[in-house]
Amino acid sequence: MEHLKNIEFTNSEFNCEIENDVAILTIKGNAFNSVSSVARNTDIIPWFDKVEQSENVRGVLVLNENEAMSEKAYNEFLAEIIGSDFDPQNPKEISRFTKNEIRTREITILGNIIRKIISFKKLLIIGINGDIVSPFFGLSLAADFRFASTNTNFVLSHIKYRLHPSGALPFFLPNYLCQSQVADLLFRGTKLPATELKKLGLINDFYDETEFIERTKAEATQICKVSLNVVKSTKKLLYRYNNSLNEYFDLESEFILK
């Protein structure tokens, strides 16, 4: 059990506890600030490796504090990297980022985390509480299962801020929806409530926010009881697009403003 002490940790950005053989990773504060930290490639990516190697952890459940991935959090992040020209009430075409190195880290590290999720040999389940904007909408689609609370909306905010849809959203959405639906969402921008997300097959289920955490943890425990050999082989057969995903991220890097 000694190695589990490395998996279980807490800091100002994340918290992880082991419950019923599931590593429950909670994102705290502003997820955009967390993911764009220089430390992310050297702590979260190796953390997934430790979980993968542990014989005592059968899967991962990712949760978030309310508003961690919301438009409010995105506004705060964009205000920092764009500077005084940013007005969330009247956004204009962004010609440059004052702190482009932070924007580059956000895009790059988000991509690295998505790659890790896709290649992860155990089950990864995401439980979304509250609004989630385009970049983390995309990331959530890399998970094996998604559950949401009744107060959840997927907000395609990139249109408002005149940015390309990041988090591999244009890559994953066509796996779930037809081309005309994908184009409509990506070019028009909209807010999708939990009920609509379930109809579109973008989440597995949603629960009342008063019981969301309890229900999602129970589902994760049940789901992760499946044989790890079955998980490993099925995921290898199911997710066969690693090369295509790498090509996608190479293309996306061209849209990072210099």
C-alpha atoms as a PDB file:
ATOM      1  CA  MET A   1       0.000   0.000   0.000  1.00  0.00           C
ATOM      2  CA  GLU A   2       3.018   2.281   0.250  1.00  0.00           C
ATOM      3  CA  HIS A   3       2.809   3.380  -3.373  1.00  0.00           C
ATOM      4  CA  LEU A   4      -0.787   4.508  -2.889  1.00  0.00           C
ATOM      5  CA  LYS A   5       0.529   7.330  -0.749  1.00  0.00           C
ATOM      6  CA  ASN A   6       2.029   8.704  -3.960  1.00  0.00           C
ATOM      7  CA  ILE A   7      -1.314   8.423  -5.713  1.00  0.00           C
ATOM      8  CA  GLU A   8      -3.272   9.994  -2.875  1.00  0.00           C
ATOM      9  CA  PHE A   9      -2.318  13.652  -2.480  1.00  0.00           C
ATOM     10  CA  THR A  10      -3.737  17.119  -2.047  1.00  0.00           C
ATOM     11  CA  ASN A  11      -2.630  20.610  -3.030  1.00  0.00           C
ATOM     12  CA  SER A  12      -4.276  23.892  -4.017  1.00  0.00           C
ATOM     13  CA  GLU A  13      -5.202  22.592  -7.478  1.00  0.00           C
ATOM     14  CA  PHE A  14      -6.029  18.900  -7.093  1.00  0.00           C
ATOM     15  CA  ASN A  15      -7.064  16.346  -4.524  1.00  0.00           C
ATOM     16  CA  CYS A  16      -6.928  12.571  -4.863  1.00  0.00           C
ATOM     17  CA  GLU A  17      -8.342   9.900  -2.574  1.00  0.00           C
ATOM     18  CA  ILE A  18      -8.745   6.151  -3.042  1.00  0.00           C
ATOM     19  CA  GLU A  19     -12.280   4.891  -2.466  1.00  0.00           C
ATOM     20  CA  ASN A  20     -13.364   1.322  -3.263  1.00  0.00           C
ATOM     21  CA  ASP A  21     -10.276   0.777  -5.454  1.00  0.00           C
ATOM     22  CA  VAL A  22     -11.033   3.898  -7.518  1.00  0.00           C
ATOM     23  CA  ALA A  23      -8.695   6.908  -7.568  1.00  0.00           C
ATOM     24  CA  ILE A  24     -10.939   9.967  -7.265  1.00  0.00           C
ATOM     25  CA  LEU A  25      -9.155  13.035  -8.639  1.00  0.00           C
ATOM     26  CA  THR A  26     -10.912  16.344  -7.915  1.00  0.00           C
ATOM     27  CA  ILE A  27      -9.979  19.496  -9.833  1.00  0.00           C
ATOM     28  CA  LYS A  28     -10.067  22.544  -7.570  1.00  0.00           C
ATOM     29  CA  GLY A  29     -10.025  26.286  -8.223  1.00  0.00           C
ATOM     30  CA  ASN A  30      -9.559  27.466 -11.814  1.00  0.00           C
ATOM     31  CA  ALA A  31      -8.872  24.459 -14.058  1.00  0.00           C
ATOM     32  CA  PHE A  32      -7.294  26.641 -16.764  1.00  0.00           C
ATOM     33  CA  ASN A  33      -4.689  27.986 -14.361  1.00  0.00           C
ATOM     34  CA  SER A  34      -4.084  24.466 -13.080  1.00  0.00           C
ATOM     35  CA  VAL A  35      -3.610  22.874 -16.479  1.00  0.00           C
ATOM     36  CA  SER A  36      -1.339  25.646 -17.776  1.00  0.00           C
ATOM     37  CA  SER A  37       1.097  25.334 -14.879  1.00  0.00           C
ATOM     38  CA  VAL A  38       4.636  24.373 -15.890  1.00  0.00           C
ATOM     39  CA  ALA A  39       4.441  21.499 -13.382  1.00  0.00           C
ATOM     40  CA  ARG A  40       1.603  19.639 -15.100  1.00  0.00           C
ATOM     41  CA  ASN A  41       3.765  17.568 -17.442  1.00  0.00           C
ATOM     42  CA  THR A  42       5.898  16.501 -14.495  1.00  0.00           C
ATOM     43  CA  ASP A  43       3.182  15.634 -11.998  1.00  0.00           C
ATOM     44  CA  ILE A  44      -0.195  14.779 -13.532  1.00  0.00           C
ATOM     45  CA  ILE A  45       1.163  12.721 -16.454  1.00  0.00           C
ATOM     46  CA  PRO A  46       3.421  10.599 -14.186  1.00  0.00           C
ATOM     47  CA  TRP A  47       0.503  10.381 -11.730  1.00  0.00           C
ATOM     48  CA  PHE A  48      -1.503   8.541 -14.378  1.00  0.00           C
ATOM     49  CA  ASP A  49       1.467   6.199 -14.854  1.00  0.00           C
ATOM     50  CA  LYS A  50       1.492   5.404 -11.131  1.00  0.00           C
ATOM     51  CA  VAL A  51      -2.239   4.685 -11.166  1.00  0.00           C
ATOM     52  CA  GLU A  52      -1.835   2.494 -14.212  1.00  0.00           C
ATOM     53  CA  GLN A  53       0.904   0.465 -12.546  1.00  0.00           C
ATOM     54  CA  SER A  54      -0.890   0.068  -9.221  1.00  0.00           C
ATOM     55  CA  GLU A  55      -2.491  -3.325  -8.571  1.00  0.00           C
ATOM     56  CA  ASN A  56      -4.774  -1.719  -5.997  1.00  0.00           C
ATOM     57  CA  VAL A  57      -6.459   0.867  -8.211  1.00  0.00           C
ATOM     58  CA  ARG A  58      -8.922  -0.310 -10.850  1.00  0.00           C
ATOM     59  CA  GLY A  59      -9.775   3.025 -12.441  1.00  0.00           C
ATOM     60  CA  VAL A  60      -9.972   6.803 -12.131  1.00  0.00           C
ATOM     61  CA  LEU A  61     -12.919   9.095 -11.478  1.00  0.00           C
ATOM     62  CA  VAL A  62     -12.289  12.765 -12.278  1.00  0.00           C
ATOM     63  CA  LEU A  63     -14.540  15.295 -10.538  1.00  0.00           C
ATOM     64  CA  ASN A  64     -14.474  19.085 -10.474  1.00  0.00           C
ATOM     65  CA  GLU A  65     -15.433  21.802  -8.073  1.00  0.00           C
ATOM     66  CA  ASN A  66     -18.357  23.849  -9.329  1.00  0.00           C
ATOM     67  CA  GLU A  67     -17.179  26.590 -11.759  1.00  0.00           C
ATOM     68  CA  ALA A  68     -13.669  25.107 -12.078  1.00  0.00           C
ATOM     69  CA  MET A  69     -14.218  24.711 -15.849  1.00  0.00           C
ATOM     70  CA  SER A  70     -16.882  27.398 -16.265  1.00  0.00           C
ATOM     71  CA  GLU A  71     -17.026  30.536 -18.395  1.00  0.00           C
ATOM     72  CA  LYS A  72     -16.113  32.541 -15.306  1.00  0.00           C
ATOM     73  CA  ALA A  73     -12.900  30.524 -14.926  1.00  0.00           C
ATOM     74  CA  TYR A  74     -12.210  30.907 -18.671  1.00  0.00           C
ATOM     75  CA  ASN A  75     -12.776  34.687 -18.443  1.00  0.00           C
ATOM     76  CA  GLU A  76     -10.241  34.949 -15.621  1.00  0.00           C
ATOM     77  CA  PHE A  77      -7.699  32.919 -17.586  1.00  0.00           C
ATOM     78  CA  LEU A  78      -8.178  34.853 -20.833  1.00  0.00           C
ATOM     79  CA  ALA A  79      -7.969  38.186 -18.990  1.00  0.00           C
ATOM     80  CA  GLU A  80      -4.541  37.157 -17.709  1.00  0.00           C
ATOM     81  CA  ILE A  81      -3.088  35.986 -21.015  1.00  0.00           C
ATOM     82  CA  ILE A  82      -4.661  38.658 -23.244  1.00  0.00           C
ATOM     83  CA  GLY A  83      -4.173  41.638 -20.948  1.00  0.00           C
ATOM     84  CA  SER A  84      -6.027  44.920 -20.598  1.00  0.00           C
ATOM     85  CA  ASP A  85      -7.587  44.657 -24.078  1.00  0.00           C
ATOM     86  CA  PHE A  86      -9.820  41.786 -22.976  1.00  0.00           C
ATOM     87  CA  ASP A  87     -13.456  42.642 -22.349  1.00  0.00           C
ATOM     88  CA  PRO A  88     -15.593  39.509 -21.697  1.00  0.00           C
ATOM     89  CA  GLN A  89     -18.782  41.500 -22.309  1.00  0.00           C
ATOM     90  CA  ASN A  90     -17.599  42.682 -25.709  1.00  0.00           C
ATOM     91  CA  PRO A  91     -14.887  40.304 -26.932  1.00  0.00           C
ATOM     92  CA  LYS A  92     -13.109  41.133 -30.168  1.00  0.00           C
ATOM     93  CA  GLU A  93     -10.808  39.285 -32.538  1.00  0.00           C
ATOM     94  CA  ILE A  94      -7.671  38.291 -30.642  1.00  0.00           C
ATOM     95  CA  SER A  95      -4.558  39.228 -32.607  1.00  0.00           C
ATOM     96  CA  ARG A  96      -2.080  38.329 -29.900  1.00  0.00           C
ATOM     97  CA  PHE A  97      -1.691  37.038 -26.368  1.00  0.00           C
ATOM     98  CA  THR A  98       0.308  39.208 -23.993  1.00  0.00           C
ATOM     99  CA  LYS A  99       1.391  36.015 -22.212  1.00  0.00           C
ATOM    100  CA  ASN A 100       1.592  33.667 -25.177  1.00  0.00           C
ATOM    101  CA  GLU A 101       3.791  31.214 -23.285  1.00  0.00           C
ATOM    102  CA  ILE A 102       0.902  30.497 -20.895  1.00  0.00           C
ATOM    103  CA  ARG A 103      -1.532  30.028 -23.796  1.00  0.00           C
ATOM    104  CA  THR A 104       0.959  27.664 -25.455  1.00  0.00           C
ATOM    105  CA  ARG A 105       1.303  25.652 -22.248  1.00  0.00           C
ATOM    106  CA  GLU A 106      -2.474  25.426 -21.902  1.00  0.00           C
ATOM    107  CA  ILE A 107      -2.890  24.012 -25.428  1.00  0.00           C
ATOM    108  CA  THR A 108       0.156  21.732 -25.203  1.00  0.00           C
ATOM    109  CA  ILE A 109      -0.464  20.293 -21.733  1.00  0.00           C
ATOM    110  CA  LEU A 110      -4.183  19.834 -22.429  1.00  0.00           C
ATOM    111  CA  GLY A 111      -3.142  17.835 -25.484  1.00  0.00           C
ATOM    112  CA  ASN A 112      -0.685  15.761 -23.462  1.00  0.00           C
ATOM    113  CA  ILE A 113      -3.349  14.938 -20.873  1.00  0.00           C
ATOM    114  CA  ILE A 114      -5.793  13.920 -23.623  1.00  0.00           C
ATOM    115  CA  ARG A 115      -3.165  11.667 -25.192  1.00  0.00           C
ATOM    116  CA  LYS A 116      -2.587  10.067 -21.798  1.00  0.00           C
ATOM    117  CA  ILE A 117      -6.310   9.520 -21.230  1.00  0.00           C
ATOM    118  CA  ILE A 118      -6.652   7.808 -24.624  1.00  0.00           C
ATOM    119  CA  SER A 119      -3.703   5.485 -23.987  1.00  0.00           C
ATOM    120  CA  PHE A 120      -4.630   4.862 -20.320  1.00  0.00           C
ATOM    121  CA  LYS A 121      -4.994   1.106 -19.764  1.00  0.00           C
ATOM    122  CA  LYS A 122      -7.619   1.406 -17.031  1.00  0.00           C
ATOM    123  CA  LEU A 123     -11.066   2.963 -17.085  1.00  0.00           C
ATOM    124  CA  LEU A 124     -11.365   6.714 -16.760  1.00  0.00           C
ATOM    125  CA  ILE A 125     -14.708   8.226 -15.770  1.00  0.00           C
ATOM    126  CA  ILE A 126     -15.512  11.935 -15.654  1.00  0.00           C
ATOM    127  CA  GLY A 127     -18.190  13.454 -13.433  1.00  0.00           C
ATOM    128  CA  ILE A 128     -19.039  17.012 -14.455  1.00  0.00           C
ATOM    129  CA  ASN A 129     -20.592  19.383 -11.952  1.00  0.00           C
ATOM    130  CA  GLY A 130     -21.624  22.795 -13.298  1.00  0.00           C
ATOM    131  CA  ASP A 131     -20.800  24.466 -16.605  1.00  0.00           C
ATOM    132  CA  ILE A 132     -17.908  23.281 -18.749  1.00  0.00           C
ATOM    133  CA  VAL A 133     -16.517  25.350 -21.640  1.00  0.00           C
ATOM    134  CA  SER A 134     -15.109  24.213 -24.995  1.00  0.00           C
ATOM    135  CA  PRO A 135     -11.569  23.053 -24.074  1.00  0.00           C
ATOM    136  CA  PHE A 136     -12.730  20.800 -21.224  1.00  0.00           C
ATOM    137  CA  PHE A 137     -15.806  19.743 -23.211  1.00  0.00           C
ATOM    138  CA  GLY A 138     -13.312  18.292 -25.687  1.00  0.00           C
ATOM    139  CA  LEU A 139     -11.183  16.679 -22.988  1.00  0.00           C
ATOM    140  CA  SER A 140     -14.237  15.045 -21.405  1.00  0.00           C
ATOM    141  CA  LEU A 141     -14.998  13.253 -24.678  1.00  0.00           C
ATOM    142  CA  ALA A 142     -11.718  11.366 -24.345  1.00  0.00           C
ATOM    143  CA  ALA A 143     -13.015   9.631 -21.195  1.00  0.00           C
ATOM    144  CA  ASP A 144     -14.613   6.172 -21.229  1.00  0.00           C
ATOM    145  CA  PHE A 145     -17.707   7.310 -19.301  1.00  0.00           C
ATOM    146  CA  ARG A 146     -19.191  10.726 -18.567  1.00  0.00           C
ATOM    147  CA  PHE A 147     -21.765  11.635 -15.923  1.00  0.00           C
ATOM    148  CA  ALA A 148     -23.156  15.096 -15.224  1.00  0.00           C
ATOM    149  CA  SER A 149     -25.213  16.874 -12.602  1.00  0.00           C
ATOM    150  CA  THR A 150     -28.562  18.442 -13.504  1.00  0.00           C
ATOM    151  CA  ASN A 151     -26.959  21.900 -13.300  1.00  0.00           C
ATOM    152  CA  THR A 152     -24.384  21.015 -15.974  1.00  0.00           C
ATOM    153  CA  ASN A 153     -24.171  22.777 -19.343  1.00  0.00           C
ATOM    154  CA  PHE A 154     -21.587  22.253 -22.060  1.00  0.00           C
ATOM    155  CA  VAL A 155     -20.869  25.787 -23.277  1.00  0.00           C
ATOM    156  CA  LEU A 156     -19.270  26.216 -26.705  1.00  0.00           C
ATOM    157  CA  SER A 157     -17.624  29.449 -25.648  1.00  0.00           C
ATOM    158  CA  HIS A 158     -14.891  29.561 -28.317  1.00  0.00           C
ATOM    159  CA  ILE A 159     -17.314  31.315 -30.695  1.00  0.00           C
ATOM    160  CA  LYS A 160     -17.867  34.172 -28.251  1.00  0.00           C
ATOM    161  CA  TYR A 161     -14.124  34.669 -27.781  1.00  0.00           C
ATOM    162  CA  ARG A 162     -13.306  34.077 -31.465  1.00  0.00           C
ATOM    163  CA  LEU A 163     -10.859  31.307 -30.713  1.00  0.00           C
ATOM    164  CA  HIS A 164     -10.539  27.919 -32.355  1.00  0.00           C
ATOM    165  CA  PRO A 165     -12.280  25.087 -30.436  1.00  0.00           C
ATOM    166  CA  SER A 166      -9.478  23.490 -28.432  1.00  0.00           C
ATOM    167  CA  GLY A 167      -9.254  20.420 -26.211  1.00  0.00           C
ATOM    168  CA  ALA A 168      -9.548  18.255 -29.368  1.00  0.00           C
ATOM    169  CA  LEU A 169     -13.269  19.057 -29.519  1.00  0.00           C
ATOM    170  CA  PRO A 170     -13.377  19.017 -33.368  1.00  0.00           C
ATOM    171  CA  PHE A 171     -11.548  15.674 -33.282  1.00  0.00           C
ATOM    172  CA  PHE A 172     -13.863  13.864 -30.864  1.00  0.00           C
ATOM    173  CA  LEU A 173     -17.297  15.327 -31.680  1.00  0.00           C
ATOM    174  CA  PRO A 174     -17.562  13.557 -35.082  1.00  0.00           C
ATOM    175  CA  ASN A 175     -17.230  10.249 -33.203  1.00  0.00           C
ATOM    176  CA  TYR A 176     -20.536  11.000 -31.478  1.00  0.00           C
ATOM    177  CA  LEU A 177     -22.534  13.196 -33.883  1.00  0.00           C
ATOM    178  CA  CYS A 178     -23.081  13.475 -37.623  1.00  0.00           C
ATOM    179  CA  GLN A 179     -21.115  16.082 -39.578  1.00  0.00           C
ATOM    180  CA  SER A 180     -24.016  18.543 -39.881  1.00  0.00           C
ATOM    181  CA  GLN A 181     -24.581  18.493 -36.092  1.00  0.00           C
ATOM    182  CA  VAL A 182     -20.869  18.976 -35.430  1.00  0.00           C
ATOM    183  CA  ALA A 183     -20.653  21.910 -37.839  1.00  0.00           C
ATOM    184  CA  ASP A 184     -23.751  23.490 -36.311  1.00  0.00           C
ATOM    185  CA  LEU A 185     -22.315  23.286 -32.802  1.00  0.00           C
ATOM    186  CA  LEU A 186     -18.788  24.405 -33.666  1.00  0.00           C
ATOM    187  CA  PHE A 187     -19.749  27.326 -35.912  1.00  0.00           C
ATOM    188  CA  ARG A 188     -22.829  28.609 -34.121  1.00  0.00           C
ATOM    189  CA  GLY A 189     -21.847  28.030 -30.508  1.00  0.00           C
ATOM    190  CA  THR A 190     -24.514  27.148 -27.994  1.00  0.00           C
ATOM    191  CA  LYS A 191     -25.200  25.929 -24.471  1.00  0.00           C
ATOM    192  CA  LEU A 192     -26.161  22.258 -24.120  1.00  0.00           C
ATOM    193  CA  PRO A 193     -27.933  21.292 -20.859  1.00  0.00           C
ATOM    194  CA  ALA A 194     -27.570  17.852 -19.282  1.00  0.00           C
ATOM    195  CA  THR A 195     -30.861  16.623 -20.729  1.00  0.00           C
ATOM    196  CA  GLU A 196     -29.765  17.473 -24.282  1.00  0.00           C
ATOM    197  CA  LEU A 197     -26.313  15.981 -23.691  1.00  0.00           C
ATOM    198  CA  LYS A 198     -27.948  12.678 -22.747  1.00  0.00           C
ATOM    199  CA  LYS A 199     -30.150  12.728 -25.869  1.00  0.00           C
ATOM    200  CA  LEU A 200     -27.096  13.335 -28.065  1.00  0.00           C
ATOM    201  CA  GLY A 201     -25.161  10.523 -26.375  1.00  0.00           C
ATOM    202  CA  LEU A 202     -22.441  12.882 -25.131  1.00  0.00           C
ATOM    203  CA  ILE A 203     -22.915  11.759 -21.519  1.00  0.00           C
ATOM    204  CA  ASN A 204     -23.964   8.393 -20.100  1.00  0.00           C
ATOM    205  CA  ASP A 205     -26.369   9.824 -17.540  1.00  0.00           C
ATOM    206  CA  PHE A 206     -27.103  12.771 -15.270  1.00  0.00           C
ATOM    207  CA  TYR A 207     -28.121  12.990 -11.622  1.00  0.00           C
ATOM    208  CA  ASP A 208     -29.684  15.628  -9.424  1.00  0.00           C
ATOM    209  CA  GLU A 209     -26.957  17.878  -8.091  1.00  0.00           C
ATOM    210  CA  THR A 210     -27.918  17.060  -4.482  1.00  0.00           C
ATOM    211  CA  GLU A 211     -26.911  13.419  -4.988  1.00  0.00           C
ATOM    212  CA  PHE A 212     -24.507  13.805  -7.910  1.00  0.00           C
ATOM    213  CA  ILE A 213     -21.259  13.009  -6.079  1.00  0.00           C
ATOM    214  CA  GLU A 214     -22.679   9.985  -4.268  1.00  0.00           C
ATOM    215  CA  ARG A 215     -24.343   8.535  -7.389  1.00  0.00           C
ATOM    216  CA  THR A 216     -21.310   9.116  -9.602  1.00  0.00           C
ATOM    217  CA  LYS A 217     -18.943   7.487  -7.122  1.00  0.00           C
ATOM    218  CA  ALA A 218     -21.279   4.487  -6.873  1.00  0.00           C
ATOM    219  CA  GLU A 219     -21.401   4.168 -10.667  1.00  0.00           C
ATOM    220  CA  ALA A 220     -17.620   4.422 -10.926  1.00  0.00           C
ATOM    221  CA  THR A 221     -17.158   1.693  -8.308  1.00  0.00           C
ATOM    222  CA  GLN A 222     -19.537  -0.612 -10.192  1.00  0.00           C
ATOM    223  CA  ILE A 223     -18.073   0.110 -13.630  1.00  0.00           C
ATOM    224  CA  CYS A 224     -14.494  -0.468 -12.474  1.00  0.00           C
ATOM    225  CA  LYS A 225     -15.280  -4.006 -11.290  1.00  0.00           C
ATOM    226  CA  VAL A 226     -14.882  -5.246 -14.871  1.00  0.00           C
ATOM    227  CA  SER A 227     -11.795  -7.387 -15.561  1.00  0.00           C
ATOM    228  CA  LEU A 228      -8.703  -5.257 -16.141  1.00  0.00           C
ATOM    229  CA  ASN A 229      -7.677  -7.611 -18.955  1.00  0.00           C
ATOM    230  CA  VAL A 230     -11.012  -6.932 -20.639  1.00  0.00           C
ATOM    231  CA  VAL A 231     -10.550  -3.188 -20.143  1.00  0.00           C
ATOM    232  CA  LYS A 232      -7.046  -3.192 -21.613  1.00  0.00           C
ATOM    233  CA  SER A 233      -7.903  -5.275 -24.685  1.00  0.00           C
ATOM    234  CA  THR A 234     -11.238  -3.552 -25.344  1.00  0.00           C
ATOM    235  CA  LYS A 235      -9.759  -0.057 -25.123  1.00  0.00           C
ATOM    236  CA  LYS A 236      -6.970  -1.068 -27.500  1.00  0.00           C
ATOM    237  CA  LEU A 237      -9.579  -2.224 -30.025  1.00  0.00           C
ATOM    238  CA  LEU A 238     -11.966   0.657 -29.376  1.00  0.00           C
ATOM    239  CA  TYR A 239      -9.536   3.597 -29.542  1.00  0.00           C
ATOM    240  CA  ARG A 240      -7.472   3.026 -32.653  1.00  0.00           C
ATOM    241  CA  TYR A 241      -6.806   6.657 -33.545  1.00  0.00           C
ATOM    242  CA  ASN A 242      -3.565   7.540 -31.731  1.00  0.00           C
ATOM    243  CA  ASN A 243      -1.779   8.441 -34.969  1.00  0.00           C
ATOM    244  CA  SER A 244      -4.722  10.531 -36.176  1.00  0.00           C
ATOM    245  CA  LEU A 245      -4.878  12.310 -32.814  1.00  0.00           C
ATOM    246  CA  ASN A 246      -1.180  13.156 -32.985  1.00  0.00           C
ATOM    247  CA  GLU A 247      -1.686  14.575 -36.478  1.00  0.00           C
ATOM    248  CA  TYR A 248      -4.620  16.602 -35.160  1.00  0.00           C
ATOM    249  CA  PHE A 249      -2.522  18.164 -32.390  1.00  0.00           C
ATOM    250  CA  ASP A 250       0.249  18.945 -34.878  1.00  0.00           C
ATOM    251  CA  LEU A 251      -2.313  20.805 -36.961  1.00  0.00           C
ATOM    252  CA  GLU A 252      -3.792  22.574 -33.948  1.00  0.00           C
ATOM    253  CA  SER A 253      -0.356  23.899 -32.981  1.00  0.00           C
ATOM    254  CA  GLU A 254      -0.482  26.066 -36.121  1.00  0.00           C
ATOM    255  CA  PHE A 255      -3.364  28.032 -34.570  1.00  0.00           C
ATOM    256  CA  ILE A 256      -1.475  29.084 -31.450  1.00  0.00           C
ATOM    257  CA  LEU A 257      -0.991  32.821 -31.916  1.00  0.00           C
ATOM    258  CA  LYS A 258       2.639  33.891 -32.030  1.00  0.00           C
END
